[in-house]
Full PDB file with SEQRES, HELIX, SHEET, SSBOND, CRYST1, ORIGX, SCALE, CONECT and MASTER records, all heavy atoms in Angstrom:
SEQRES   1 A   36  THR GLN VAL TYR GLN HIS ALA GLU ASP ALA ARG ARG GLY          
SEQRES   2 A   36  ASP ARG THR LEU SER LEU ARG LEU GLY ILE ARG GLY THR          
SEQRES   3 A   36  PHE VAL PHE ALA GLY LEU ALA LEU ALA ALA                      
HELIX    1 AA1 HIS A    6  ARG A   12  1                                   7    
HELIX    2 AA2 LEU A   17  ALA A   35  1                                  19    
CRYST1    1.000    1.000    1.000  90.00  90.00  90.00 P 1           1          
ORIGX1      1.000000  0.000000  0.000000        0.00000                         
ORIGX2      0.000000  1.000000  0.000000        0.00000                         
ORIGX3      0.000000  0.000000  1.000000        0.00000                         
SCALE1      1.000000  0.000000  0.000000        0.00000                         
SCALE2      0.000000  1.000000  0.000000        0.00000                         
SCALE3      0.000000  0.000000  1.000000        0.00000                         
ATOM      1  N   THR A   1       2.410  -2.454   6.174  1.00  0.00           N  
ATOM      2  CA  THR A   1       3.604  -3.306   6.122  1.00  0.00           C  
ATOM      3  C   THR A   1       4.145  -3.433   4.707  1.00  0.00           C  
ATOM      4  O   THR A   1       5.253  -3.940   4.514  1.00  0.00           O  
ATOM      5  CB  THR A   1       3.290  -4.714   6.666  1.00  0.00           C  
ATOM      6  OG1 THR A   1       2.337  -5.362   5.811  1.00  0.00           O  
ATOM      7  CG2 THR A   1       2.727  -4.650   8.077  1.00  0.00           C  
ATOM      8  N   GLN A   2       3.369  -2.996   3.707  1.00  0.00           N  
ATOM      9  CA  GLN A   2       3.797  -3.084   2.312  1.00  0.00           C  
ATOM     10  C   GLN A   2       4.318  -1.756   1.774  1.00  0.00           C  
ATOM     11  O   GLN A   2       4.842  -1.699   0.659  1.00  0.00           O  
ATOM     12  CB  GLN A   2       2.620  -3.513   1.425  1.00  0.00           C  
ATOM     13  CG  GLN A   2       1.958  -4.819   1.821  1.00  0.00           C  
ATOM     14  CD  GLN A   2       0.656  -5.039   1.053  1.00  0.00           C  
ATOM     15  OE1 GLN A   2      -0.066  -4.085   0.758  1.00  0.00           O  
ATOM     16  NE2 GLN A   2       0.357  -6.288   0.745  1.00  0.00           N  
ATOM     17  N   VAL A   3       4.209  -0.698   2.571  1.00  0.00           N  
ATOM     18  CA  VAL A   3       4.388   0.649   2.035  1.00  0.00           C  
ATOM     19  C   VAL A   3       5.825   0.930   1.601  1.00  0.00           C  
ATOM     20  O   VAL A   3       6.058   1.784   0.731  1.00  0.00           O  
ATOM     21  CB  VAL A   3       3.898   1.688   3.072  1.00  0.00           C  
ATOM     22  CG1 VAL A   3       4.895   1.860   4.199  1.00  0.00           C  
ATOM     23  CG2 VAL A   3       3.558   3.004   2.411  1.00  0.00           C  
ATOM     24  N   TYR A   4       6.788   0.227   2.161  1.00  0.00           N  
ATOM     25  CA  TYR A   4       8.193   0.470   1.785  1.00  0.00           C  
ATOM     26  C   TYR A   4       8.679  -0.529   0.726  1.00  0.00           C  
ATOM     27  O   TYR A   4       9.837  -0.469   0.306  1.00  0.00           O  
ATOM     28  CB  TYR A   4       9.098   0.366   3.025  1.00  0.00           C  
ATOM     29  CG  TYR A   4       9.195  -1.013   3.610  1.00  0.00           C  
ATOM     30  CD1 TYR A   4      10.208  -1.895   3.231  1.00  0.00           C  
ATOM     31  CD2 TYR A   4       8.255  -1.468   4.523  1.00  0.00           C  
ATOM     32  CE1 TYR A   4      10.287  -3.166   3.749  1.00  0.00           C  
ATOM     33  CE2 TYR A   4       8.323  -2.732   5.047  1.00  0.00           C  
ATOM     34  CZ  TYR A   4       9.346  -3.583   4.664  1.00  0.00           C  
ATOM     35  OH  TYR A   4       9.392  -4.862   5.176  1.00  0.00           O  
ATOM     36  N   GLN A   5       7.800  -1.442   0.298  1.00  0.00           N  
ATOM     37  CA  GLN A   5       8.207  -2.506  -0.625  1.00  0.00           C  
ATOM     38  C   GLN A   5       7.657  -2.319  -2.030  1.00  0.00           C  
ATOM     39  O   GLN A   5       7.615  -3.264  -2.803  1.00  0.00           O  
ATOM     40  CB  GLN A   5       7.746  -3.869  -0.083  1.00  0.00           C  
ATOM     41  CG  GLN A   5       8.488  -4.339   1.150  1.00  0.00           C  
ATOM     42  CD  GLN A   5       8.040  -5.727   1.567  1.00  0.00           C  
ATOM     43  OE1 GLN A   5       6.860  -5.977   1.813  1.00  0.00           O  
ATOM     44  NE2 GLN A   5       8.972  -6.660   1.629  1.00  0.00           N  
ATOM     45  N   HIS A   6       7.244  -1.135  -2.391  1.00  0.00           N  
ATOM     46  CA  HIS A   6       6.609  -0.934  -3.690  1.00  0.00           C  
ATOM     47  C   HIS A   6       7.522  -1.338  -4.848  1.00  0.00           C  
ATOM     48  O   HIS A   6       7.062  -1.956  -5.816  1.00  0.00           O  
ATOM     49  CB  HIS A   6       6.174   0.527  -3.845  1.00  0.00           C  
ATOM     50  CG  HIS A   6       4.984   0.876  -3.008  1.00  0.00           C  
ATOM     51  ND1 HIS A   6       4.351   2.104  -3.064  1.00  0.00           N  
ATOM     52  CD2 HIS A   6       4.287   0.154  -2.091  1.00  0.00           C  
ATOM     53  CE1 HIS A   6       3.328   2.120  -2.228  1.00  0.00           C  
ATOM     54  NE2 HIS A   6       3.278   0.955  -1.614  1.00  0.00           N  
ATOM     55  N   ALA A   7       8.783  -0.998  -4.752  1.00  0.00           N  
ATOM     56  CA  ALA A   7       9.705  -1.323  -5.846  1.00  0.00           C  
ATOM     57  C   ALA A   7       9.870  -2.833  -5.980  1.00  0.00           C  
ATOM     58  O   ALA A   7       9.839  -3.381  -7.095  1.00  0.00           O  
ATOM     59  CB  ALA A   7      11.064  -0.656  -5.613  1.00  0.00           C  
ATOM     60  N   GLU A   8      10.047  -3.531  -4.846  1.00  0.00           N  
ATOM     61  CA  GLU A   8      10.201  -4.995  -4.869  1.00  0.00           C  
ATOM     62  C   GLU A   8       8.946  -5.659  -5.411  1.00  0.00           C  
ATOM     63  O   GLU A   8       9.015  -6.573  -6.237  1.00  0.00           O  
ATOM     64  CB  GLU A   8      10.490  -5.507  -3.458  1.00  0.00           C  
ATOM     65  CG  GLU A   8      11.919  -5.306  -2.990  1.00  0.00           C  
ATOM     66  CD  GLU A   8      12.836  -6.424  -3.465  1.00  0.00           C  
ATOM     67  OE1 GLU A   8      12.339  -7.388  -4.080  1.00  0.00           O  
ATOM     68  OE2 GLU A   8      14.045  -6.323  -3.245  1.00  0.00           O  
ATOM     69  N   ASP A   9       7.773  -5.231  -4.938  1.00  0.00           N  
ATOM     70  CA  ASP A   9       6.517  -5.832  -5.378  1.00  0.00           C  
ATOM     71  C   ASP A   9       6.278  -5.594  -6.872  1.00  0.00           C  
ATOM     72  O   ASP A   9       5.844  -6.500  -7.595  1.00  0.00           O  
ATOM     73  CB  ASP A   9       5.347  -5.272  -4.563  1.00  0.00           C  
ATOM     74  CG  ASP A   9       5.378  -5.737  -3.116  1.00  0.00           C  
ATOM     75  OD1 ASP A   9       5.893  -6.833  -2.866  1.00  0.00           O  
ATOM     76  OD2 ASP A   9       4.892  -4.990  -2.242  1.00  0.00           O  
ATOM     77  N   ALA A  10       6.575  -4.390  -7.339  1.00  0.00           N  
ATOM     78  CA  ALA A  10       6.397  -4.087  -8.768  1.00  0.00           C  
ATOM     79  C   ALA A  10       7.342  -4.928  -9.609  1.00  0.00           C  
ATOM     80  O   ALA A  10       6.970  -5.388 -10.703  1.00  0.00           O  
ATOM     81  CB  ALA A  10       6.637  -2.605  -9.007  1.00  0.00           C  
ATOM     82  N   ARG A  11       8.558  -5.154  -9.112  1.00  0.00           N  
ATOM     83  CA  ARG A  11       9.538  -5.963  -9.851  1.00  0.00           C  
ATOM     84  C   ARG A  11       9.029  -7.390 -10.044  1.00  0.00           C  
ATOM     85  O   ARG A  11       9.233  -7.999 -11.102  1.00  0.00           O  
ATOM     86  CB  ARG A  11      10.872  -5.982  -9.100  1.00  0.00           C  
ATOM     87  CG  ARG A  11      11.964  -6.832  -9.744  1.00  0.00           C  
ATOM     88  CD  ARG A  11      13.239  -6.811  -8.932  1.00  0.00           C  
ATOM     89  NE  ARG A  11      13.048  -7.346  -7.600  1.00  0.00           N  
ATOM     90  CZ  ARG A  11      13.030  -8.655  -7.314  1.00  0.00           C  
ATOM     91  NH1 ARG A  11      13.157  -9.542  -8.288  1.00  0.00           N  
ATOM     92  NH2 ARG A  11      12.860  -9.065  -6.069  1.00  0.00           N  
ATOM     93  N   ARG A  12       8.348  -7.941  -9.033  1.00  0.00           N  
ATOM     94  CA  ARG A  12       7.837  -9.312  -9.115  1.00  0.00           C  
ATOM     95  C   ARG A  12       6.480  -9.391  -9.805  1.00  0.00           C  
ATOM     96  O   ARG A  12       5.974 -10.477 -10.063  1.00  0.00           O  
ATOM     97  CB  ARG A  12       7.713  -9.909  -7.706  1.00  0.00           C  
ATOM     98  CG  ARG A  12       9.012 -10.288  -7.052  1.00  0.00           C  
ATOM     99  CD  ARG A  12       8.727 -11.123  -5.811  1.00  0.00           C  
ATOM    100  NE  ARG A  12       7.871 -10.394  -4.886  1.00  0.00           N  
ATOM    101  CZ  ARG A  12       8.316  -9.669  -3.869  1.00  0.00           C  
ATOM    102  NH1 ARG A  12       9.606  -9.560  -3.669  1.00  0.00           N  
ATOM    103  NH2 ARG A  12       7.474  -9.050  -3.069  1.00  0.00           N  
ATOM    104  N   GLY A  13       5.862  -8.243 -10.046  1.00  0.00           N  
ATOM    105  CA  GLY A  13       4.536  -8.248 -10.656  1.00  0.00           C  
ATOM    106  C   GLY A  13       3.413  -8.432  -9.652  1.00  0.00           C  
ATOM    107  O   GLY A  13       2.285  -8.751 -10.037  1.00  0.00           O  
ATOM    108  N   ASP A  14       3.685  -8.212  -8.357  1.00  0.00           N  
ATOM    109  CA  ASP A  14       2.657  -8.319  -7.324  1.00  0.00           C  
ATOM    110  C   ASP A  14       1.985  -6.960  -7.155  1.00  0.00           C  
ATOM    111  O   ASP A  14       2.588  -6.011  -6.660  1.00  0.00           O  
ATOM    112  CB  ASP A  14       3.277  -8.748  -5.985  1.00  0.00           C  
ATOM    113  CG  ASP A  14       3.802 -10.171  -6.033  1.00  0.00           C  
ATOM    114  OD1 ASP A  14       3.306 -10.951  -6.858  1.00  0.00           O  
ATOM    115  OD2 ASP A  14       4.710 -10.490  -5.235  1.00  0.00           O  
ATOM    116  N   ARG A  15       0.725  -6.881  -7.554  1.00  0.00           N  
ATOM    117  CA  ARG A  15      -0.011  -5.613  -7.444  1.00  0.00           C  
ATOM    118  C   ARG A  15      -0.683  -5.563  -6.078  1.00  0.00           C  
ATOM    119  O   ARG A  15      -1.888  -5.799  -5.941  1.00  0.00           O  
ATOM    120  CB  ARG A  15      -1.042  -5.498  -8.563  1.00  0.00           C  
ATOM    121  CG  ARG A  15      -0.451  -5.556  -9.966  1.00  0.00           C  
ATOM    122  CD  ARG A  15       0.395  -4.344 -10.252  1.00  0.00           C  
ATOM    123  NE  ARG A  15      -0.411  -3.118 -10.260  1.00  0.00           N  
ATOM    124  CZ  ARG A  15       0.098  -1.901 -10.360  1.00  0.00           C  
ATOM    125  NH1 ARG A  15       1.410  -1.742 -10.410  1.00  0.00           N  
ATOM    126  NH2 ARG A  15      -0.689  -0.851 -10.379  1.00  0.00           N  
ATOM    127  N   THR A  16       0.096  -5.266  -5.044  1.00  0.00           N  
ATOM    128  CA  THR A  16      -0.439  -5.224  -3.694  1.00  0.00           C  
ATOM    129  C   THR A  16      -1.384  -4.041  -3.526  1.00  0.00           C  
ATOM    130  O   THR A  16      -1.365  -3.093  -4.315  1.00  0.00           O  
ATOM    131  CB  THR A  16       0.694  -5.109  -2.661  1.00  0.00           C  
ATOM    132  OG1 THR A  16       1.381  -3.864  -2.868  1.00  0.00           O  
ATOM    133  CG2 THR A  16       1.673  -6.259  -2.797  1.00  0.00           C  
ATOM    134  N   LEU A  17      -2.201  -4.111  -2.476  1.00  0.00           N  
ATOM    135  CA  LEU A  17      -3.142  -3.023  -2.231  1.00  0.00           C  
ATOM    136  C   LEU A  17      -2.414  -1.707  -2.000  1.00  0.00           C  
ATOM    137  O   LEU A  17      -2.827  -0.650  -2.509  1.00  0.00           O  
ATOM    138  CB  LEU A  17      -4.014  -3.357  -1.017  1.00  0.00           C  
ATOM    139  CG  LEU A  17      -5.060  -2.294  -0.644  1.00  0.00           C  
ATOM    140  CD1 LEU A  17      -6.050  -2.104  -1.769  1.00  0.00           C  
ATOM    141  CD2 LEU A  17      -5.766  -2.675   0.650  1.00  0.00           C  
ATOM    142  N   SER A  18      -1.324  -1.746  -1.233  1.00  0.00           N  
ATOM    143  CA  SER A  18      -0.566  -0.528  -0.967  1.00  0.00           C  
ATOM    144  C   SER A  18      -0.008   0.071  -2.254  1.00  0.00           C  
ATOM    145  O   SER A  18      -0.013   1.293  -2.437  1.00  0.00           O  
ATOM    146  CB  SER A  18       0.572  -0.817   0.017  1.00  0.00           C  
ATOM    147  OG  SER A  18       1.321   0.348   0.286  1.00  0.00           O  
ATOM    148  N   LEU A  19       0.454  -0.792  -3.157  1.00  0.00           N  
ATOM    149  CA  LEU A  19       0.986  -0.313  -4.431  1.00  0.00           C  
ATOM    150  C   LEU A  19      -0.113   0.346  -5.257  1.00  0.00           C  
ATOM    151  O   LEU A  19       0.110   1.374  -5.914  1.00  0.00           O  
ATOM    152  CB  LEU A  19       1.615  -1.482  -5.195  1.00  0.00           C  
ATOM    153  CG  LEU A  19       2.370  -1.151  -6.482  1.00  0.00           C  
ATOM    154  CD1 LEU A  19       3.512  -0.175  -6.213  1.00  0.00           C  
ATOM    155  CD2 LEU A  19       2.921  -2.436  -7.113  1.00  0.00           C  
ATOM    156  N   ARG A  20      -1.294  -0.238  -5.225  1.00  0.00           N  
ATOM    157  CA  ARG A  20      -2.415   0.328  -5.976  1.00  0.00           C  
ATOM    158  C   ARG A  20      -2.883   1.653  -5.374  1.00  0.00           C  
ATOM    159  O   ARG A  20      -3.260   2.577  -6.101  1.00  0.00           O  
ATOM    160  CB  ARG A  20      -3.583  -0.665  -5.993  1.00  0.00           C  
ATOM    161  CG  ARG A  20      -3.319  -1.929  -6.799  1.00  0.00           C  
ATOM    162  CD  ARG A  20      -3.305  -1.653  -8.291  1.00  0.00           C  
ATOM    163  NE  ARG A  20      -4.573  -1.173  -8.787  1.00  0.00           N  
ATOM    164  CZ  ARG A  20      -5.566  -1.944  -9.190  1.00  0.00           C  
ATOM    165  NH1 ARG A  20      -5.421  -3.262  -9.164  1.00  0.00           N  
ATOM    166  NH2 ARG A  20      -6.696  -1.428  -9.626  1.00  0.00           N  
ATOM    167  N   LEU A  21      -2.855   1.751  -4.055  1.00  0.00           N  
ATOM    168  CA  LEU A  21      -3.331   2.954  -3.381  1.00  0.00           C  
ATOM    169  C   LEU A  21      -2.319   4.090  -3.444  1.00  0.00           C  
ATOM    170  O   LEU A  21      -2.689   5.264  -3.367  1.00  0.00           O  
ATOM    171  CB  LEU A  21      -3.651   2.655  -1.911  1.00  0.00           C  
ATOM    172  CG  LEU A  21      -4.855   1.767  -1.627  1.00  0.00           C  
ATOM    173  CD1 LEU A  21      -4.899   1.399  -0.152  1.00  0.00           C  
ATOM    174  CD2 LEU A  21      -6.154   2.458  -2.038  1.00  0.00           C  
ATOM    175  N   GLY A  22      -1.045   3.734  -3.576  1.00  0.00           N  
ATOM    176  CA  GLY A  22       0.007   4.733  -3.474  1.00  0.00           C  
ATOM    177  C   GLY A  22       0.358   4.958  -2.013  1.00  0.00           C  
ATOM    178  O   GLY A  22      -0.368   4.524  -1.110  1.00  0.00           O  
ATOM    179  N   ILE A  23       1.458   5.641  -1.756  1.00  0.00           N  
ATOM    180  CA  ILE A  23       1.914   5.791  -0.377  1.00  0.00           C  
ATOM    181  C   ILE A  23       0.932   6.608   0.453  1.00  0.00           C  
ATOM    182  O   ILE A  23       0.498   6.192   1.537  1.00  0.00           O  
ATOM    183  CB  ILE A  23       3.327   6.422  -0.354  1.00  0.00           C  
ATOM    184  CG1 ILE A  23       4.340   5.418  -0.933  1.00  0.00           C  
ATOM    185  CG2 ILE A  23       3.713   6.816   1.065  1.00  0.00           C  
ATOM    186  CD1 ILE A  23       5.751   5.934  -1.014  1.00  0.00           C  
ATOM    187  N   ARG A  24       0.533   7.775  -0.029  1.00  0.00           N  
ATOM    188  CA  ARG A  24      -0.410   8.584   0.731  1.00  0.00           C  
ATOM    189  C   ARG A  24      -1.767   7.906   0.851  1.00  0.00           C  
ATOM    190  O   ARG A  24      -2.398   7.931   1.919  1.00  0.00           O  
ATOM    191  CB  ARG A  24      -0.570   9.954   0.075  1.00  0.00           C  
ATOM    192  CG  ARG A  24       0.668  10.841   0.177  1.00  0.00           C  
ATOM    193  CD  ARG A  24       0.392  12.217  -0.392  1.00  0.00           C  
ATOM    194  NE  ARG A  24       1.561  13.086  -0.290  1.00  0.00           N  
ATOM    195  CZ  ARG A  24       1.590  14.353  -0.671  1.00  0.00           C  
ATOM    196  NH1 ARG A  24       0.502  14.900  -1.208  1.00  0.00           N  
ATOM    197  NH2 ARG A  24       2.691  15.075  -0.531  1.00  0.00           N  
ATOM    198  N   GLY A  25      -2.202   7.294  -0.225  1.00  0.00           N  
ATOM    199  CA  GLY A  25      -3.477   6.576  -0.198  1.00  0.00           C  
ATOM    200  C   GLY A  25      -3.473   5.443   0.812  1.00  0.00           C  
ATOM    201  O   GLY A  25      -4.508   5.150   1.442  1.00  0.00           O  
ATOM    202  N   THR A  26      -2.325   4.800   0.971  1.00  0.00           N  
ATOM    203  CA  THR A  26      -2.214   3.716   1.956  1.00  0.00           C  
ATOM    204  C   THR A  26      -2.464   4.240   3.362  1.00  0.00           C  
ATOM    205  O   THR A  26      -3.161   3.609   4.166  1.00  0.00           O  
ATOM    206  CB  THR A  26      -0.812   3.073   1.889  1.00  0.00           C  
ATOM    207  OG1 THR A  26      -0.640   2.477   0.598  1.00  0.00           O  
ATOM    208  CG2 THR A  26      -0.644   2.011   2.955  1.00  0.00           C  
ATOM    209  N   PHE A  27      -1.921   5.406   3.673  1.00  0.00           N  
ATOM    210  CA  PHE A  27      -2.107   5.976   5.008  1.00  0.00           C  
ATOM    211  C   PHE A  27      -3.558   6.398   5.233  1.00  0.00           C  
ATOM    212  O   PHE A  27      -4.100   6.235   6.339  1.00  0.00           O  
ATOM    213  CB  PHE A  27      -1.149   7.145   5.218  1.00  0.00           C  
ATOM    214  CG  PHE A  27       0.228   6.713   5.614  1.00  0.00           C  
ATOM    215  CD1 PHE A  27       1.141   6.278   4.659  1.00  0.00           C  
ATOM    216  CD2 PHE A  27       0.615   6.705   6.940  1.00  0.00           C  
ATOM    217  CE1 PHE A  27       2.411   5.859   5.018  1.00  0.00           C  
ATOM    218  CE2 PHE A  27       1.871   6.286   7.321  1.00  0.00           C  
ATOM    219  CZ  PHE A  27       2.782   5.860   6.353  1.00  0.00           C  
ATOM    220  N   VAL A  28      -4.190   6.929   4.205  1.00  0.00           N  
ATOM    221  CA  VAL A  28      -5.603   7.303   4.337  1.00  0.00           C  
ATOM    222  C   VAL A  28      -6.448   6.054   4.579  1.00  0.00           C  
ATOM    223  O   VAL A  28      -7.304   6.023   5.483  1.00  0.00           O  
ATOM    224  CB  VAL A  28      -6.085   8.042   3.074  1.00  0.00           C  
ATOM    225  CG1 VAL A  28      -7.596   8.265   3.131  1.00  0.00           C  
ATOM    226  CG2 VAL A  28      -5.361   9.379   2.932  1.00  0.00           C  
ATOM    227  N   PHE A  29      -6.220   5.019   3.781  1.00  0.00           N  
ATOM    228  CA  PHE A  29      -6.963   3.767   3.925  1.00  0.00           C  
ATOM    229  C   PHE A  29      -6.745   3.168   5.312  1.00  0.00           C  
ATOM    230  O   PHE A  29      -7.695   2.737   5.976  1.00  0.00           O  
ATOM    231  CB  PHE A  29      -6.526   2.776   2.842  1.00  0.00           C  
ATOM    232  CG  PHE A  29      -7.221   1.444   2.921  1.00  0.00           C  
ATOM    233  CD1 PHE A  29      -8.429   1.240   2.270  1.00  0.00           C  
ATOM    234  CD2 PHE A  29      -6.664   0.394   3.640  1.00  0.00           C  
ATOM    235  CE1 PHE A  29      -9.079   0.007   2.344  1.00  0.00           C  
ATOM    236  CE2 PHE A  29      -7.306  -0.834   3.720  1.00  0.00           C  
ATOM    237  CZ  PHE A  29      -8.510  -1.026   3.075  1.00  0.00           C  
ATOM    238  N   ALA A  30      -5.482   3.143   5.764  1.00  0.00           N  
ATOM    239  CA  ALA A  30      -5.160   2.577   7.071  1.00  0.00           C  
ATOM    240  C   ALA A  30      -5.858   3.345   8.184  1.00  0.00           C  
ATOM    241  O   ALA A  30      -6.427   2.758   9.115  1.00  0.00           O  
ATOM    242  CB  ALA A  30      -3.652   2.584   7.283  1.00  0.00           C  
ATOM    243  N   GLY A  31      -5.832   4.668   8.095  1.00  0.00           N  
ATOM    244  CA  GLY A  31      -6.474   5.477   9.120  1.00  0.00           C  
ATOM    245  C   GLY A  31      -7.972   5.228   9.203  1.00  0.00           C  
ATOM    246  O   GLY A  31      -8.541   5.106  10.298  1.00  0.00           O  
ATOM    247  N   LEU A  32      -8.635   5.106   8.052  1.00  0.00           N  
ATOM    248  CA  LEU A  32     -10.073   4.859   8.035  1.00  0.00           C  
ATOM    249  C   LEU A  32     -10.406   3.474   8.601  1.00  0.00           C  
ATOM    250  O   LEU A  32     -11.362   3.330   9.379  1.00  0.00           O  
ATOM    251  CB  LEU A  32     -10.600   4.978   6.595  1.00  0.00           C  
ATOM    252  CG  LEU A  32     -10.581   6.382   5.992  1.00  0.00           C  
ATOM    253  CD1 LEU A  32     -10.991   6.335   4.520  1.00  0.00           C  
ATOM    254  CD2 LEU A  32     -11.490   7.325   6.772  1.00  0.00           C  
ATOM    255  N   ALA A  33      -9.618   2.463   8.219  1.00  0.00           N  
ATOM    256  CA  ALA A  33      -9.876   1.107   8.706  1.00  0.00           C  
ATOM    257  C   ALA A  33      -9.648   1.014  10.209  1.00  0.00           C  
ATOM    258  O   ALA A  33     -10.425   0.387  10.939  1.00  0.00           O  
ATOM    259  CB  ALA A  33      -8.984   0.109   7.966  1.00  0.00           C  
ATOM    260  N   LEU A  34      -8.569   1.624  10.701  1.00  0.00           N  
ATOM    261  CA  LEU A  34      -8.283   1.594  12.131  1.00  0.00           C  
ATOM    262  C   LEU A  34      -9.346   2.351  12.920  1.00  0.00           C  
ATOM    263  O   LEU A  34      -9.749   1.916  14.013  1.00  0.00           O  
ATOM    264  CB  LEU A  34      -6.898   2.180  12.397  1.00  0.00           C  
ATOM    265  CG  LEU A  34      -5.721   1.360  11.843  1.00  0.00           C  
ATOM    266  CD1 LEU A  34      -4.421   2.144  11.988  1.00  0.00           C  
ATOM    267  CD2 LEU A  34      -5.616   0.011  12.555  1.00  0.00           C  
ATOM    268  N   ALA A  35      -9.809   3.474  12.374  1.00  0.00           N  
ATOM    269  CA  ALA A  35     -10.859   4.235  13.049  1.00  0.00           C  
ATOM    270  C   ALA A  35     -12.160   3.438  13.102  1.00  0.00           C  
ATOM    271  O   ALA A  35     -12.865   3.429  14.122  1.00  0.00           O  
ATOM    272  CB  ALA A  35     -11.083   5.565  12.328  1.00  0.00           C  
ATOM    273  N   ALA A  36     -12.486   2.746  11.997  1.00  0.00           N  
ATOM    274  CA  ALA A  36     -13.692   1.915  11.971  1.00  0.00           C  
ATOM    275  C   ALA A  36     -13.590   0.788  12.995  1.00  0.00           C  
ATOM    276  O   ALA A  36     -14.558   0.476  13.702  1.00  0.00           O  
ATOM    277  CB  ALA A  36     -13.903   1.346  10.571  1.00  0.00           C  
TER     278      ALA A  36                                                      
MASTER        0    0    0    2    0    0    0    6  277    1    0    3          
END                                                                             
């Protein structure tokens, strides 16, 4: 849910998990968590 808001979050200084993981990293993380 954060993957399209990277620019907004960075502007406010919110270092969200998705921003830290990057877009591709977010999908990898999501896939692993959902599979678990």
